[in-house]
Amino acid sequence: MARHSWAQRAAYCGAVTSLADQAIAEPSADAAREDVLAAARRARAAAGALALLHRADKDRALGVMADALRANTEAILAANARDVEAGERGGMATGLIDRLTLTERRIEAIADGLAKVARLPDPVGEVVRGGTLANGLELRQVRVPLGVVGMVYEGRPNVTVDAAGLALKSGNAALLRGSSTAVHSNTALVGVLRDALAQAGLPVDAVQLLPCADHASVRYLVTARGLVDLVIPRGGAGLISSVVAEATVPTIETGVGNCHVYLDAAADLDIAERIVLNSKARRPSVCNAAETVLVHADIAPRIVPFLATALRLAGVTVHGDERFVALAPGTQPATEQDWDTEYLSLDIAAAVVDSLDDAIAHIARHGSGHTEAIVTADVAAARAFAARVDAAAVMVNASTAFTDGEEFGMGAEIGISTQKMHARGPMGLPELTSTKWIVWGEGQVRPA
């Protein structure tokens, strides 16, 4: 695909597939449905080829994809600038603009993520368990690709590449439905990835971008049972709820992060400050950012004034309960809504609690099951918190920002699951596989 065509093709959300010539303005429902299903059929065919690839072929393709992203940085940034400009013109929130924005450094990090995925073990073919029965049958449960994985996500172009890379390594085809706010960025990125797949001799339909003009394409994707094996929504609570409500294809819920940092009675004050500031202010627009800090009453008089000042100097607006405000005058009073808000901005809710039990109860009422942290020198308190808090990740004396696939050694992540199923927390390669049982015999039959 020629670079100069991206700007033209970006006028169509599905520009890099055979949808390129289909205007998104006012497609009929039947035409839009057929476009999505046709893409799913192509993905199904591509998935069949990917499932047979050796690791060396997949790793080589990932390397070509990473090199292609670096080589086309200038054009990708130009496409991204159009999306950012449109977002700013439309009044998009600062945190969402940050998620949308690409820089040379971020593109290098995205490309490096592909290289890291290439260095990871291939999950396909891994023997999960097995043995030999008394009758001589040899049993092996092995990992196999899921097939076709659909991604529905908001304005985060890095997800486009992460999803494509992880899907390829695990032998799956990816159907990507990004948001209209990132249409130029996603079109450019998928164009680069498909060119790289062709260069590597792999099916270009292993990565496809679906139309994003309206919600219809999401509905057709999540109801394409028999063509699509799994859909992963990644974004805000509204998007995730909508996908889960409409889907007939299996889904994994990801991303909503109302994360807490609890400063226990035995917390070291310097460590507490570092962790709270890093959890909140490092990058407030991501789902692992802290949205609430809870302070034990025994240390509140010493730490609240100090912490409130540190947060204010970091540009963070604190929404405190009555007890917090009393110790830090000038703090904005919190409302009931604040305890359930995923700000994704330089805002944080704050409350003083009387005990570890009260902190855990607050998290149980308001947490989203993503990441919760405790700061304490009391090992018993840390163990109780880790055992009793219901979340995909629990941090003890560490920032919530570490809940991330790359930080966990996965190379990249397809999302962070908050569900209680086989995939919970950051999802990497194993979570994009299923298993099958392979049984070897020598003519054995089961007795009547």
Protein backbone atom coordinates (compact mmCIF):
# COMPACT_ATOMS: atom_id res chain seq x y z
CA MET A 1 0.00 0.00 0.00
CA ALA A 2 1.51 3.32 -0.99
CA ARG A 3 2.05 5.75 1.85
CA HIS A 4 0.52 8.67 -0.01
CA SER A 5 -2.81 6.85 -0.22
CA TRP A 6 -3.37 6.69 3.53
CA ALA A 7 -4.91 10.14 3.83
CA GLN A 8 -7.43 9.24 1.15
CA ARG A 9 -8.09 5.81 2.56
CA ALA A 10 -8.62 7.22 6.04
CA ALA A 11 -11.89 8.65 4.79
CA TYR A 12 -13.10 5.07 5.14
CA CYS A 13 -12.82 3.40 8.54
CA GLY A 14 -12.16 0.04 6.95
CA ALA A 15 -9.77 1.43 4.39
CA VAL A 16 -7.07 -1.19 4.60
CA THR A 17 -9.27 -4.15 3.79
CA SER A 18 -11.59 -4.81 0.89
CA LEU A 19 -13.86 -2.31 2.67
CA ALA A 20 -11.58 0.41 1.31
CA ASP A 21 -13.89 1.33 -1.51
CA GLN A 22 -17.03 1.41 0.63
CA ALA A 23 -17.95 4.90 1.81
CA ILE A 24 -18.92 4.97 5.46
CA ALA A 25 -21.28 7.89 5.17
CA GLU A 26 -24.66 6.17 4.94
CA PRO A 27 -24.23 2.43 4.29
CA SER A 28 -27.39 0.36 4.27
CA ALA A 29 -27.80 -2.02 7.18
CA ASP A 30 -27.60 -5.04 4.87
CA ALA A 31 -24.45 -3.75 3.18
CA ALA A 32 -22.77 -2.92 6.49
CA ARG A 33 -23.61 -6.33 7.88
CA GLU A 34 -22.25 -8.09 4.81
CA ASP A 35 -19.04 -6.04 4.94
CA VAL A 36 -18.36 -7.19 8.50
CA LEU A 37 -19.29 -10.79 7.80
CA ALA A 38 -17.16 -10.84 4.65
CA ALA A 39 -14.20 -9.59 6.69
CA ALA A 40 -14.89 -12.30 9.27
CA ARG A 41 -14.91 -14.98 6.56
CA ARG A 42 -11.56 -13.73 5.26
CA ALA A 43 -10.25 -13.74 8.81
CA ARG A 44 -11.47 -17.31 9.28
CA ALA A 45 -9.57 -18.41 6.18
CA ALA A 46 -6.45 -16.56 7.34
CA ALA A 47 -6.71 -18.12 10.80
CA GLY A 48 -6.62 -21.57 9.25
CA ALA A 49 -3.28 -20.76 7.66
CA LEU A 50 -1.89 -19.10 10.79
CA ALA A 51 -2.67 -22.14 12.93
CA LEU A 52 -0.19 -24.20 10.90
CA LEU A 53 2.71 -21.75 11.08
CA HIS A 54 5.94 -22.58 12.87
CA ARG A 55 7.22 -20.21 15.52
CA ALA A 56 10.07 -19.05 13.30
CA ASP A 57 7.62 -17.84 10.65
CA LYS A 58 5.54 -15.89 13.16
CA ASP A 59 8.57 -14.37 14.86
CA ARG A 60 10.05 -13.31 11.54
CA ALA A 61 6.77 -11.61 10.58
CA LEU A 62 6.65 -9.78 13.92
CA GLY A 63 10.15 -8.49 13.27
CA VAL A 64 9.14 -7.26 9.82
CA MET A 65 6.11 -5.53 11.35
CA ALA A 66 8.24 -3.80 13.99
CA ASP A 67 10.75 -2.60 11.39
CA ALA A 68 7.91 -1.34 9.18
CA LEU A 69 6.45 0.74 12.01
CA ARG A 70 9.82 2.38 12.62
CA ALA A 71 10.36 3.02 8.91
CA ASN A 72 6.95 4.66 8.56
CA THR A 73 6.99 6.72 11.75
CA GLU A 74 6.69 10.04 9.94
CA ALA A 75 3.60 9.04 7.98
CA ILE A 76 1.98 7.45 11.06
CA LEU A 77 2.54 10.61 13.07
CA ALA A 78 1.03 12.70 10.28
CA ALA A 79 -2.09 10.54 10.29
CA ASN A 80 -2.27 10.66 14.08
CA ALA A 81 -1.97 14.46 14.06
CA ARG A 82 -5.23 14.64 12.08
CA ASP A 83 -7.03 12.62 14.75
CA VAL A 84 -5.55 14.63 17.60
CA GLU A 85 -6.47 17.91 15.92
CA ALA A 86 -10.03 16.72 15.38
CA GLY A 87 -10.25 15.58 18.99
CA GLU A 88 -9.03 18.89 20.34
CA ARG A 89 -11.39 20.77 18.04
CA GLY A 90 -14.27 18.63 19.28
CA GLY A 91 -13.49 19.25 22.95
CA MET A 92 -12.12 15.79 23.76
CA ALA A 93 -10.98 15.46 27.38
CA THR A 94 -7.27 15.90 28.07
CA GLY A 95 -6.87 12.34 29.29
CA LEU A 96 -8.44 10.94 26.14
CA ILE A 97 -6.24 13.16 23.98
CA ASP A 98 -3.24 11.66 25.77
CA ARG A 99 -4.45 8.14 25.01
CA LEU A 100 -4.94 9.07 21.37
CA THR A 101 -1.61 10.82 20.84
CA LEU A 102 1.35 9.05 19.24
CA THR A 103 4.93 10.30 19.42
CA GLU A 104 8.19 8.98 18.03
CA ARG A 105 8.93 7.56 21.46
CA ARG A 106 5.54 5.84 21.70
CA ILE A 107 5.84 4.35 18.22
CA GLU A 108 9.29 3.03 19.12
CA ALA A 109 7.81 1.51 22.29
CA ILE A 110 4.99 -0.09 20.27
CA ALA A 111 7.48 -1.54 17.78
CA ASP A 112 9.68 -2.76 20.63
CA GLY A 113 6.61 -4.47 22.08
CA LEU A 114 6.30 -6.54 18.90
CA ALA A 115 9.97 -7.49 19.15
CA LYS A 116 9.42 -8.58 22.75
CA VAL A 117 6.44 -10.70 21.73
CA ALA A 118 8.63 -12.38 19.10
CA ARG A 119 11.09 -13.38 21.83
CA LEU A 120 8.40 -14.97 24.00
CA PRO A 121 7.72 -18.71 23.90
CA ASP A 122 5.07 -19.79 21.42
CA PRO A 123 2.04 -21.02 23.39
CA VAL A 124 0.65 -23.04 20.48
CA GLY A 125 1.41 -26.72 20.95
CA GLU A 126 2.30 -26.40 24.63
CA VAL A 127 1.25 -29.50 26.57
CA VAL A 128 -0.86 -28.33 29.51
CA ARG A 129 -1.24 -31.76 31.06
CA GLY A 130 -1.38 -35.37 30.04
CA GLY A 131 -0.47 -38.93 30.82
CA THR A 132 -1.09 -42.55 29.94
CA LEU A 133 -4.22 -44.39 31.07
CA ALA A 134 -4.21 -47.94 32.38
CA ASN A 135 -5.56 -49.14 29.01
CA GLY A 136 -2.59 -47.63 27.16
CA LEU A 137 -4.31 -44.53 25.76
CA GLU A 138 -1.95 -41.56 25.70
CA LEU A 139 -3.66 -38.26 26.59
CA ARG A 140 -2.34 -34.80 25.90
CA GLN A 141 -4.12 -31.48 26.44
CA VAL A 142 -2.40 -28.96 24.16
CA ARG A 143 -2.80 -25.25 23.50
CA VAL A 144 -4.34 -24.26 20.17
CA PRO A 145 -5.31 -20.88 18.67
CA LEU A 146 -8.80 -19.54 19.32
CA GLY A 147 -9.24 -18.69 15.62
CA VAL A 148 -10.71 -15.24 14.97
CA VAL A 149 -10.44 -12.62 17.72
CA GLY A 150 -12.40 -9.38 17.49
CA MET A 151 -11.26 -6.24 19.32
CA VAL A 152 -13.62 -3.33 20.03
CA TYR A 153 -11.73 -0.41 21.50
CA GLU A 154 -11.69 3.34 21.88
CA GLY A 155 -9.14 5.95 20.80
CA ARG A 156 -5.91 4.12 21.65
CA PRO A 157 -3.87 3.43 18.51
CA ASN A 158 -1.33 1.34 20.41
CA VAL A 159 -4.05 -1.27 20.94
CA THR A 160 -4.20 -1.74 17.16
CA VAL A 161 -0.61 -2.97 17.04
CA ASP A 162 -0.60 -4.83 20.36
CA ALA A 163 -3.72 -6.79 19.38
CA ALA A 164 -2.38 -7.62 15.91
CA GLY A 165 0.97 -8.78 17.27
CA LEU A 166 -0.38 -10.93 20.07
CA ALA A 167 -3.02 -12.44 17.79
CA LEU A 168 -0.38 -13.36 15.19
CA LYS A 169 1.99 -14.94 17.72
CA SER A 170 -0.83 -17.04 19.18
CA GLY A 171 -1.98 -18.12 15.70
CA ASN A 172 -5.17 -16.02 15.55
CA ALA A 173 -6.57 -13.60 13.00
CA ALA A 174 -7.55 -10.16 14.34
CA LEU A 175 -10.64 -8.14 13.44
CA LEU A 176 -10.05 -4.63 14.77
CA ARG A 177 -12.89 -2.21 15.37
CA GLY A 178 -11.35 1.00 16.66
CA SER A 179 -13.15 4.26 17.24
CA SER A 180 -13.81 7.00 14.72
CA THR A 181 -11.66 9.32 16.85
CA ALA A 182 -8.59 7.33 15.80
CA VAL A 183 -9.59 6.44 12.25
CA HIS A 184 -6.59 8.04 10.50
CA SER A 185 -4.12 6.58 12.99
CA ASN A 186 -5.60 3.08 12.83
CA THR A 187 -5.83 3.13 9.06
CA ALA A 188 -2.17 4.08 8.77
CA LEU A 189 -1.06 1.49 11.32
CA VAL A 190 -3.06 -1.37 9.83
CA GLY A 191 -1.82 -0.41 6.38
CA VAL A 192 1.77 -0.77 7.60
CA LEU A 193 1.02 -4.08 9.32
CA ARG A 194 -0.70 -5.59 6.29
CA ASP A 195 2.15 -4.54 4.03
CA ALA A 196 4.55 -6.20 6.47
CA LEU A 197 2.49 -9.41 6.50
CA ALA A 198 2.61 -9.51 2.71
CA GLN A 199 6.36 -8.95 2.79
CA ALA A 200 6.70 -11.84 5.25
CA GLY A 201 4.60 -14.11 3.02
CA LEU A 202 1.69 -14.40 5.45
CA PRO A 203 -2.04 -13.80 4.81
CA VAL A 204 -2.74 -10.07 4.90
CA ASP A 205 -6.25 -10.78 6.17
CA ALA A 206 -4.75 -11.90 9.45
CA VAL A 207 -5.21 -8.22 10.38
CA GLN A 208 -8.26 -6.27 9.26
CA LEU A 209 -9.82 -2.96 10.25
CA LEU A 210 -13.60 -2.82 10.42
CA PRO A 211 -15.83 0.21 9.68
CA CYS A 212 -16.25 2.62 12.58
CA ALA A 213 -18.86 5.10 11.33
CA ASP A 214 -21.51 3.97 13.81
CA HIS A 215 -22.33 1.23 16.29
CA ALA A 216 -23.71 -1.11 13.63
CA SER A 217 -20.34 -2.68 12.84
CA VAL A 218 -19.88 -3.52 16.53
CA ARG A 219 -23.27 -5.20 16.63
CA TYR A 220 -22.53 -7.28 13.54
CA LEU A 221 -19.11 -8.26 14.88
CA VAL A 222 -20.30 -9.38 18.31
CA THR A 223 -23.16 -11.42 16.84
CA ALA A 224 -21.07 -13.17 14.17
CA ARG A 225 -21.29 -16.48 15.99
CA GLY A 226 -19.59 -19.24 14.03
CA LEU A 227 -17.23 -16.81 12.30
CA VAL A 228 -15.77 -14.98 15.30
CA ASP A 229 -14.51 -16.97 18.29
CA LEU A 230 -13.96 -14.25 20.88
CA VAL A 231 -14.59 -10.52 21.23
CA ILE A 232 -12.62 -8.35 23.64
CA PRO A 233 -14.05 -4.88 24.36
CA ARG A 234 -11.43 -2.49 25.68
CA GLY A 235 -12.48 0.96 26.78
CA GLY A 236 -14.89 2.75 29.09
CA ALA A 237 -17.71 1.20 31.07
CA GLY A 238 -20.32 2.22 28.47
CA LEU A 239 -18.54 0.51 25.60
CA ILE A 240 -17.90 -2.67 27.59
CA SER A 241 -21.49 -2.88 28.86
CA SER A 242 -22.87 -2.35 25.36
CA VAL A 243 -20.72 -5.11 23.86
CA VAL A 244 -21.49 -7.60 26.63
CA ALA A 245 -25.23 -6.87 26.42
CA GLU A 246 -25.41 -7.42 22.65
CA ALA A 247 -22.89 -10.20 22.12
CA THR A 248 -23.72 -13.75 21.16
CA VAL A 249 -20.01 -14.37 20.63
CA PRO A 250 -18.06 -15.09 23.85
CA THR A 251 -16.58 -11.91 25.35
CA ILE A 252 -13.98 -10.99 27.95
CA GLU A 253 -14.55 -7.74 29.84
CA THR A 254 -11.48 -5.56 30.21
CA GLY A 255 -10.23 -2.18 31.18
CA VAL A 256 -12.46 -0.31 33.64
CA GLY A 257 -10.17 0.63 36.51
CA ASN A 258 -11.49 2.26 39.68
CA CYS A 259 -8.23 1.49 41.50
CA HIS A 260 -7.47 2.27 45.15
CA VAL A 261 -4.31 2.85 47.20
CA TYR A 262 -4.79 2.14 50.92
CA LEU A 263 -2.28 3.69 53.32
CA ASP A 264 -2.32 1.40 56.34
CA ALA A 265 -1.56 2.43 59.94
CA ALA A 266 1.93 0.96 59.49
CA ALA A 267 2.66 2.73 56.19
CA ASP A 268 6.04 4.39 55.66
CA LEU A 269 5.13 8.00 54.83
CA ASP A 270 7.83 8.52 52.19
CA ILE A 271 6.95 5.27 50.43
CA ALA A 272 3.25 6.16 50.65
CA GLU A 273 3.83 9.51 48.95
CA ARG A 274 5.87 7.96 46.12
CA ILE A 275 3.33 5.25 45.46
CA VAL A 276 0.29 7.52 45.52
CA LEU A 277 1.90 10.09 43.22
CA ASN A 278 3.13 7.47 40.78
CA SER A 279 -0.18 5.59 40.80
CA LYS A 280 -2.14 8.77 40.10
CA ALA A 281 0.04 11.26 38.24
CA ARG A 282 2.40 9.12 36.16
CA ARG A 283 -0.21 8.73 33.42
CA PRO A 284 -3.70 9.45 34.71
CA SER A 285 -5.49 8.47 31.49
CA VAL A 286 -4.78 4.73 31.77
CA CYS A 287 -6.91 2.09 33.49
CA ASN A 288 -4.29 1.19 36.11
CA ALA A 289 -4.13 4.77 37.45
CA ALA A 290 -5.30 5.18 41.05
CA GLU A 291 -8.64 6.93 41.41
CA THR A 292 -9.02 6.79 45.21
CA VAL A 293 -6.63 6.96 48.16
CA LEU A 294 -7.75 5.63 51.55
CA VAL A 295 -5.84 6.69 54.69
CA HIS A 296 -5.94 4.92 58.05
CA ALA A 297 -7.12 7.27 60.80
CA ASP A 298 -4.05 6.55 62.97
CA ILE A 299 -1.67 8.16 60.46
CA ALA A 300 -4.10 10.62 58.86
CA PRO A 301 -3.08 13.65 60.99
CA ARG A 302 0.55 13.18 59.96
CA ILE A 303 0.17 12.23 56.30
CA VAL A 304 -2.99 13.93 54.99
CA PRO A 305 -1.69 17.54 55.00
CA PHE A 306 1.63 16.39 53.55
CA LEU A 307 -0.02 14.17 50.89
CA ALA A 308 -2.61 16.79 49.90
CA THR A 309 0.17 19.32 49.27
CA ALA A 310 2.22 16.83 47.24
CA LEU A 311 -0.78 15.96 45.09
CA ARG A 312 -1.65 19.62 44.55
CA LEU A 313 1.94 20.36 43.47
CA ALA A 314 1.64 17.49 40.99
CA GLY A 315 -1.44 19.14 39.49
CA VAL A 316 -3.92 16.71 41.04
CA THR A 317 -7.32 17.87 42.31
CA VAL A 318 -8.27 15.99 45.49
CA HIS A 319 -11.94 15.21 46.21
CA GLY A 320 -11.92 14.45 49.95
CA ASP A 321 -14.45 13.23 52.47
CA GLU A 322 -15.19 15.37 55.56
CA ARG A 323 -12.36 13.91 57.62
CA PHE A 324 -9.81 14.38 54.85
CA VAL A 325 -10.95 17.96 54.20
CA ALA A 326 -10.70 18.77 57.92
CA LEU A 327 -7.03 17.78 57.86
CA ALA A 328 -6.30 19.47 54.53
CA PRO A 329 -8.31 22.72 54.27
CA GLY A 330 -8.92 23.82 50.71
CA THR A 331 -9.49 20.26 49.51
CA GLN A 332 -12.55 19.94 47.27
CA PRO A 333 -15.38 18.10 49.08
CA ALA A 334 -16.20 14.69 47.60
CA THR A 335 -19.66 13.58 46.52
CA GLU A 336 -21.03 10.04 46.54
CA GLN A 337 -20.39 9.90 42.80
CA ASP A 338 -16.66 10.44 43.31
CA TRP A 339 -16.19 7.03 44.94
CA ASP A 340 -17.40 5.28 41.78
CA THR A 341 -15.71 7.52 39.22
CA GLU A 342 -12.91 6.41 36.92
CA TYR A 343 -11.58 9.93 36.40
CA LEU A 344 -8.85 9.18 33.82
CA SER A 345 -7.62 12.68 34.68
CA LEU A 346 -5.61 14.51 37.34
CA ASP A 347 -8.31 13.98 39.94
CA ILE A 348 -8.39 11.61 42.89
CA ALA A 349 -10.94 10.83 45.60
CA ALA A 350 -9.66 10.58 49.17
CA ALA A 351 -11.12 9.28 52.43
CA VAL A 352 -10.01 8.56 55.98
CA VAL A 353 -10.96 5.09 57.25
CA ASP A 354 -10.82 3.66 60.77
CA SER A 355 -9.39 0.23 60.00
CA LEU A 356 -8.14 -2.26 57.45
CA ASP A 357 -11.62 -3.81 57.50
CA ASP A 358 -13.18 -0.47 56.58
CA ALA A 359 -10.72 -0.01 53.71
CA ILE A 360 -11.50 -3.46 52.34
CA ALA A 361 -15.25 -2.82 52.70
CA HIS A 362 -14.92 0.49 50.80
CA ILE A 363 -13.04 -1.25 47.98
CA ALA A 364 -15.65 -4.03 47.87
CA ARG A 365 -18.42 -1.42 47.42
CA HIS A 366 -16.72 0.81 44.89
CA GLY A 367 -13.86 -1.08 43.24
CA SER A 368 -13.99 -2.45 39.70
CA GLY A 369 -11.91 -5.58 40.31
CA HIS A 370 -8.89 -4.20 38.45
CA THR A 371 -5.95 -3.27 40.75
CA GLU A 372 -5.83 -2.46 44.45
CA ALA A 373 -2.75 -1.49 46.49
CA ILE A 374 -1.76 -1.41 50.14
CA VAL A 375 1.18 0.47 51.62
CA THR A 376 2.25 -1.03 54.95
CA ALA A 377 5.17 -2.40 56.94
CA ASP A 378 2.79 -4.79 58.72
CA VAL A 379 3.13 -8.19 57.03
CA ALA A 380 -0.07 -9.49 58.62
CA ALA A 381 -2.05 -6.53 57.29
CA ALA A 382 -0.53 -7.00 53.85
CA ARG A 383 -1.41 -10.68 53.80
CA ALA A 384 -4.98 -10.00 54.95
CA PHE A 385 -5.42 -7.31 52.28
CA ALA A 386 -4.04 -9.55 49.54
CA ALA A 387 -6.24 -12.47 50.58
CA ARG A 388 -9.48 -10.57 51.08
CA VAL A 389 -9.49 -7.92 48.34
CA ASP A 390 -11.27 -9.17 45.23
CA ALA A 391 -9.25 -7.84 42.28
CA ALA A 392 -7.30 -9.07 39.29
CA ALA A 393 -4.10 -7.63 40.78
CA VAL A 394 -3.13 -6.67 44.33
CA MET A 395 -0.03 -4.56 44.94
CA VAL A 396 1.82 -4.60 48.25
CA ASN A 397 4.06 -1.54 48.64
CA ALA A 398 4.08 -0.97 44.89
CA SER A 399 2.36 1.36 42.44
CA THR A 400 -0.86 0.36 40.69
CA ALA A 401 0.91 1.39 37.45
CA PHE A 402 2.67 -1.98 37.35
CA THR A 403 -0.51 -3.81 36.30
CA ASP A 404 0.50 -4.00 32.68
CA GLY A 405 1.28 -6.85 30.31
CA GLU A 406 4.68 -5.49 29.34
CA GLU A 407 5.64 -4.90 32.98
CA PHE A 408 4.56 -8.47 33.76
CA GLY A 409 6.88 -9.80 31.06
CA MET A 410 4.21 -10.53 28.45
CA GLY A 411 5.74 -8.28 25.78
CA ALA A 412 2.38 -6.58 25.28
CA GLU A 413 -1.17 -7.18 26.38
CA ILE A 414 -4.48 -7.61 24.64
CA GLY A 415 -6.23 -6.06 27.65
CA ILE A 416 -6.66 -6.43 31.41
CA SER A 417 -9.51 -8.75 32.29
CA THR A 418 -11.60 -7.99 35.35
CA GLN A 419 -13.63 -11.18 34.98
CA LYS A 420 -13.29 -14.34 37.04
CA MET A 421 -12.48 -16.82 34.34
CA HIS A 422 -9.37 -18.39 32.78
CA ALA A 423 -8.20 -14.92 31.71
CA ARG A 424 -7.89 -12.48 34.63
CA GLY A 425 -5.56 -9.52 34.87
CA PRO A 426 -3.19 -8.64 32.01
CA MET A 427 -3.86 -10.98 29.10
CA GLY A 428 -0.94 -12.16 27.01
CA LEU A 429 -0.34 -15.07 24.66
CA PRO A 430 -1.69 -18.01 26.72
CA GLU A 431 -4.99 -16.18 27.25
CA LEU A 432 -5.45 -16.05 23.46
CA THR A 433 -5.41 -19.81 23.17
CA SER A 434 -7.84 -22.61 23.90
CA THR A 435 -6.95 -26.26 24.34
CA LYS A 436 -7.78 -29.54 22.69
CA TRP A 437 -7.31 -33.09 23.87
CA ILE A 438 -5.29 -35.37 21.63
CA VAL A 439 -5.65 -39.07 22.38
CA TRP A 440 -3.33 -41.72 20.88
CA GLY A 441 -4.37 -45.34 20.88
CA GLU A 442 -3.54 -48.69 19.35
CA GLY A 443 -7.03 -49.93 18.58
CA GLN A 444 -8.53 -49.65 22.06
CA VAL A 445 -12.33 -49.70 22.31
CA ARG A 446 -14.48 -48.85 25.30
CA PRO A 447 -16.22 -51.77 26.95
CA ALA A 448 -20.00 -51.92 26.77
